[in-house]
Amino acid sequence: MLTVSHLMSPTVVTVGPAATLRQALALFVARRISGVPVVSQDKVLGVVSASDLLNAEIAIPVPAGGLHGWADQGEGGEAPEP
């Protein structure tokens, strides 16, 4: 029988509650993932997904050239925190 353990990612990628929407999106693009648990002090607070970001009322500016290479830059050009 096929179980979720056959499909899950063995390495868990997380964000903290203070991560910006741009940082989360950059992480999704860089890691080719569609969601992450939000964790603080080893406690899962929730989950944020690509759909959550798409449905957010806050606009995330995307460069005219698209997202290629954009995931490597955070606010002001620095690398986003993992």
N, C-alpha and C. Protein backbone atom coordinates (compact mmCIF):
# COMPACT_ATOMS: atom_id res chain seq x y z
N MET A 1 0.85 -1.17 0.00
CA MET A 1 0.00 0.00 0.00
C MET A 1 0.90 1.24 0.00
N LEU A 2 0.58 2.20 -0.84
CA LEU A 2 1.31 3.45 -0.92
C LEU A 2 0.91 4.35 0.24
N THR A 3 1.90 4.87 0.94
CA THR A 3 1.64 5.76 2.08
C THR A 3 2.31 7.10 1.83
N VAL A 4 1.99 8.09 2.64
CA VAL A 4 2.59 9.41 2.49
C VAL A 4 4.11 9.37 2.70
N SER A 5 4.59 8.41 3.46
CA SER A 5 6.03 8.31 3.67
C SER A 5 6.78 8.02 2.38
N HIS A 6 6.09 7.44 1.40
CA HIS A 6 6.69 7.19 0.10
C HIS A 6 6.83 8.47 -0.72
N LEU A 7 6.02 9.46 -0.43
CA LEU A 7 5.98 10.69 -1.22
C LEU A 7 6.58 11.90 -0.52
N MET A 8 6.70 11.84 0.79
CA MET A 8 7.14 13.02 1.55
C MET A 8 8.61 13.36 1.27
N SER A 9 8.95 14.61 1.52
CA SER A 9 10.34 15.05 1.45
C SER A 9 11.02 14.69 2.76
N PRO A 10 12.15 14.01 2.70
CA PRO A 10 12.81 13.62 3.94
C PRO A 10 13.45 14.80 4.69
N THR A 11 13.78 15.87 3.97
CA THR A 11 14.37 17.05 4.59
C THR A 11 13.28 18.10 4.76
N VAL A 12 13.03 18.49 6.00
CA VAL A 12 11.97 19.46 6.27
C VAL A 12 12.55 20.88 6.21
N VAL A 13 11.94 21.71 5.39
CA VAL A 13 12.30 23.12 5.27
C VAL A 13 11.25 23.90 6.04
N THR A 14 11.69 24.82 6.90
CA THR A 14 10.75 25.59 7.72
C THR A 14 11.04 27.08 7.60
N VAL A 15 10.10 27.89 8.04
CA VAL A 15 10.30 29.33 8.19
C VAL A 15 9.85 29.72 9.58
N GLY A 16 10.35 30.84 10.04
CA GLY A 16 9.91 31.40 11.30
C GLY A 16 8.73 32.33 11.07
N PRO A 17 8.01 32.69 12.12
CA PRO A 17 6.83 33.54 11.98
C PRO A 17 7.14 34.95 11.48
N ALA A 18 8.39 35.39 11.59
CA ALA A 18 8.75 36.73 11.14
C ALA A 18 9.20 36.77 9.68
N ALA A 19 9.24 35.62 9.02
CA ALA A 19 9.64 35.59 7.61
C ALA A 19 8.67 36.43 6.78
N THR A 20 9.20 37.16 5.82
CA THR A 20 8.34 37.95 4.94
C THR A 20 7.74 37.07 3.86
N LEU A 21 6.68 37.56 3.23
CA LEU A 21 6.07 36.83 2.13
C LEU A 21 7.08 36.66 1.00
N ARG A 22 7.87 37.67 0.75
CA ARG A 22 8.90 37.59 -0.29
C ARG A 22 9.92 36.51 0.04
N GLN A 23 10.34 36.43 1.30
CA GLN A 23 11.29 35.39 1.70
C GLN A 23 10.69 34.00 1.51
N ALA A 24 9.44 33.84 1.88
CA ALA A 24 8.78 32.54 1.71
C ALA A 24 8.70 32.18 0.23
N LEU A 25 8.30 33.12 -0.60
CA LEU A 25 8.21 32.86 -2.03
C LEU A 25 9.57 32.52 -2.61
N ALA A 26 10.59 33.26 -2.22
CA ALA A 26 11.95 32.97 -2.69
C ALA A 26 12.38 31.57 -2.29
N LEU A 27 12.04 31.16 -1.08
CA LEU A 27 12.36 29.81 -0.60
C LEU A 27 11.63 28.75 -1.44
N PHE A 28 10.34 28.99 -1.72
CA PHE A 28 9.57 28.05 -2.53
C PHE A 28 10.21 27.87 -3.90
N VAL A 29 10.62 28.98 -4.51
CA VAL A 29 11.22 28.93 -5.84
C VAL A 29 12.58 28.24 -5.79
N ALA A 30 13.41 28.63 -4.83
CA ALA A 30 14.76 28.08 -4.73
C ALA A 30 14.76 26.58 -4.44
N ARG A 31 13.86 26.15 -3.59
CA ARG A 31 13.81 24.73 -3.18
C ARG A 31 12.82 23.90 -3.98
N ARG A 32 12.09 24.57 -4.88
CA ARG A 32 11.06 23.90 -5.68
C ARG A 32 10.05 23.16 -4.80
N ILE A 33 9.54 23.91 -3.82
CA ILE A 33 8.55 23.37 -2.90
C ILE A 33 7.30 24.25 -2.95
N SER A 34 6.21 23.76 -2.40
CA SER A 34 4.96 24.52 -2.46
C SER A 34 4.40 24.89 -1.09
N GLY A 35 5.14 24.58 -0.03
CA GLY A 35 4.68 24.94 1.29
C GLY A 35 5.70 24.58 2.35
N VAL A 36 5.58 25.24 3.50
CA VAL A 36 6.49 24.98 4.61
C VAL A 36 5.77 25.14 5.94
N PRO A 37 6.20 24.39 6.96
CA PRO A 37 5.70 24.63 8.30
C PRO A 37 6.30 25.94 8.84
N VAL A 38 5.52 26.64 9.62
CA VAL A 38 6.00 27.84 10.32
C VAL A 38 6.32 27.38 11.74
N VAL A 39 7.59 27.55 12.15
CA VAL A 39 8.07 26.98 13.40
C VAL A 39 8.70 28.07 14.27
N SER A 40 8.43 28.01 15.57
CA SER A 40 9.08 28.88 16.54
C SER A 40 9.37 28.07 17.79
N GLN A 41 10.61 28.10 18.22
CA GLN A 41 11.04 27.37 19.42
C GLN A 41 10.60 25.90 19.37
N ASP A 42 10.89 25.26 18.24
CA ASP A 42 10.58 23.84 18.03
C ASP A 42 9.09 23.50 18.09
N LYS A 43 8.23 24.50 17.97
CA LYS A 43 6.79 24.26 17.96
C LYS A 43 6.23 24.69 16.61
N VAL A 44 5.46 23.79 15.98
CA VAL A 44 4.82 24.12 14.71
C VAL A 44 3.63 25.03 14.98
N LEU A 45 3.69 26.24 14.40
CA LEU A 45 2.61 27.21 14.60
C LEU A 45 1.55 27.11 13.51
N GLY A 46 1.96 26.59 12.36
CA GLY A 46 1.05 26.49 11.23
C GLY A 46 1.80 26.10 9.98
N VAL A 47 1.14 26.27 8.85
CA VAL A 47 1.72 25.94 7.56
C VAL A 47 1.38 27.08 6.60
N VAL A 48 2.34 27.47 5.77
CA VAL A 48 2.08 28.46 4.73
C VAL A 48 2.38 27.80 3.38
N SER A 49 1.49 28.03 2.42
CA SER A 49 1.63 27.40 1.11
C SER A 49 1.72 28.45 0.01
N ALA A 50 2.10 28.00 -1.17
CA ALA A 50 2.14 28.89 -2.33
C ALA A 50 0.75 29.45 -2.59
N SER A 51 -0.28 28.65 -2.38
CA SER A 51 -1.66 29.14 -2.55
C SER A 51 -1.98 30.25 -1.57
N ASP A 52 -1.47 30.13 -0.35
CA ASP A 52 -1.68 31.20 0.63
C ASP A 52 -1.08 32.51 0.13
N LEU A 53 0.12 32.42 -0.44
CA LEU A 53 0.78 33.63 -0.95
C LEU A 53 0.02 34.20 -2.14
N LEU A 54 -0.48 33.33 -3.02
CA LEU A 54 -1.24 33.81 -4.17
C LEU A 54 -2.55 34.47 -3.74
N ASN A 55 -3.12 33.98 -2.66
CA ASN A 55 -4.38 34.53 -2.18
C ASN A 55 -4.22 35.73 -1.26
N ALA A 56 -2.98 36.04 -0.89
CA ALA A 56 -2.74 37.17 0.01
C ALA A 56 -3.16 38.47 -0.67
N GLU A 57 -3.71 39.37 0.11
CA GLU A 57 -4.13 40.65 -0.43
C GLU A 57 -2.97 41.60 -0.63
N ILE A 58 -1.82 41.26 -0.06
CA ILE A 58 -0.64 42.11 -0.19
C ILE A 58 0.08 41.74 -1.48
N ALA A 59 0.31 42.73 -2.34
CA ALA A 59 0.99 42.47 -3.61
C ALA A 59 2.49 42.31 -3.37
N ILE A 60 3.06 41.29 -3.98
CA ILE A 60 4.50 41.08 -3.94
C ILE A 60 5.06 41.49 -5.29
N PRO A 61 5.85 42.57 -5.34
CA PRO A 61 6.35 43.00 -6.65
C PRO A 61 7.29 41.96 -7.25
N VAL A 62 7.08 41.65 -8.51
CA VAL A 62 7.91 40.70 -9.23
C VAL A 62 8.66 41.48 -10.31
N PRO A 63 9.97 41.28 -10.45
CA PRO A 63 10.74 42.00 -11.46
C PRO A 63 10.18 41.77 -12.86
N ALA A 64 10.36 42.77 -13.73
CA ALA A 64 9.85 42.69 -15.10
C ALA A 64 10.37 41.46 -15.83
N GLY A 65 11.59 41.01 -15.50
CA GLY A 65 12.19 39.86 -16.16
C GLY A 65 11.69 38.53 -15.62
N GLY A 66 10.79 38.54 -14.67
CA GLY A 66 10.27 37.30 -14.09
C GLY A 66 11.03 36.89 -12.85
N LEU A 67 10.87 35.64 -12.44
CA LEU A 67 11.43 35.16 -11.18
C LEU A 67 12.80 34.49 -11.33
N HIS A 68 13.29 34.32 -12.57
CA HIS A 68 14.58 33.66 -12.76
C HIS A 68 15.68 34.45 -12.04
N GLY A 69 16.37 33.81 -11.10
CA GLY A 69 17.42 34.46 -10.33
C GLY A 69 16.92 35.30 -9.18
N TRP A 70 15.65 35.64 -9.19
CA TRP A 70 15.07 36.49 -8.15
C TRP A 70 15.05 35.80 -6.80
N ALA A 71 14.92 34.48 -6.79
CA ALA A 71 14.83 33.74 -5.53
C ALA A 71 16.13 33.82 -4.74
N ASP A 72 17.24 34.18 -5.40
CA ASP A 72 18.51 34.28 -4.70
C ASP A 72 18.67 35.60 -3.98
N GLN A 73 17.74 36.53 -4.17
CA GLN A 73 17.84 37.84 -3.57
C GLN A 73 16.70 38.09 -2.60
N GLY A 74 17.01 38.70 -1.49
CA GLY A 74 16.00 39.10 -0.52
C GLY A 74 15.70 40.57 -0.71
N GLU A 75 15.15 41.17 0.29
CA GLU A 75 14.89 42.60 0.25
C GLU A 75 16.21 43.32 0.05
N GLY A 76 16.28 44.23 -0.88
CA GLY A 76 17.49 45.00 -1.09
C GLY A 76 18.63 44.23 -1.72
N GLY A 77 18.42 42.98 -2.17
CA GLY A 77 19.43 42.22 -2.87
C GLY A 77 20.19 41.22 -2.04
N GLU A 78 20.01 41.22 -0.73
CA GLU A 78 20.73 40.24 0.09
C GLU A 78 20.03 38.89 0.03
N ALA A 79 20.78 37.84 0.33
CA ALA A 79 20.20 36.50 0.31
C ALA A 79 19.17 36.37 1.44
N PRO A 80 18.03 35.74 1.18
CA PRO A 80 17.03 35.58 2.24
C PRO A 80 17.50 34.59 3.29
N GLU A 81 17.04 34.78 4.50
CA GLU A 81 17.37 33.85 5.58
C GLU A 81 16.62 32.55 5.35
N PRO A 82 17.26 31.40 5.61
CA PRO A 82 16.57 30.12 5.41
C PRO A 82 15.50 29.88 6.43
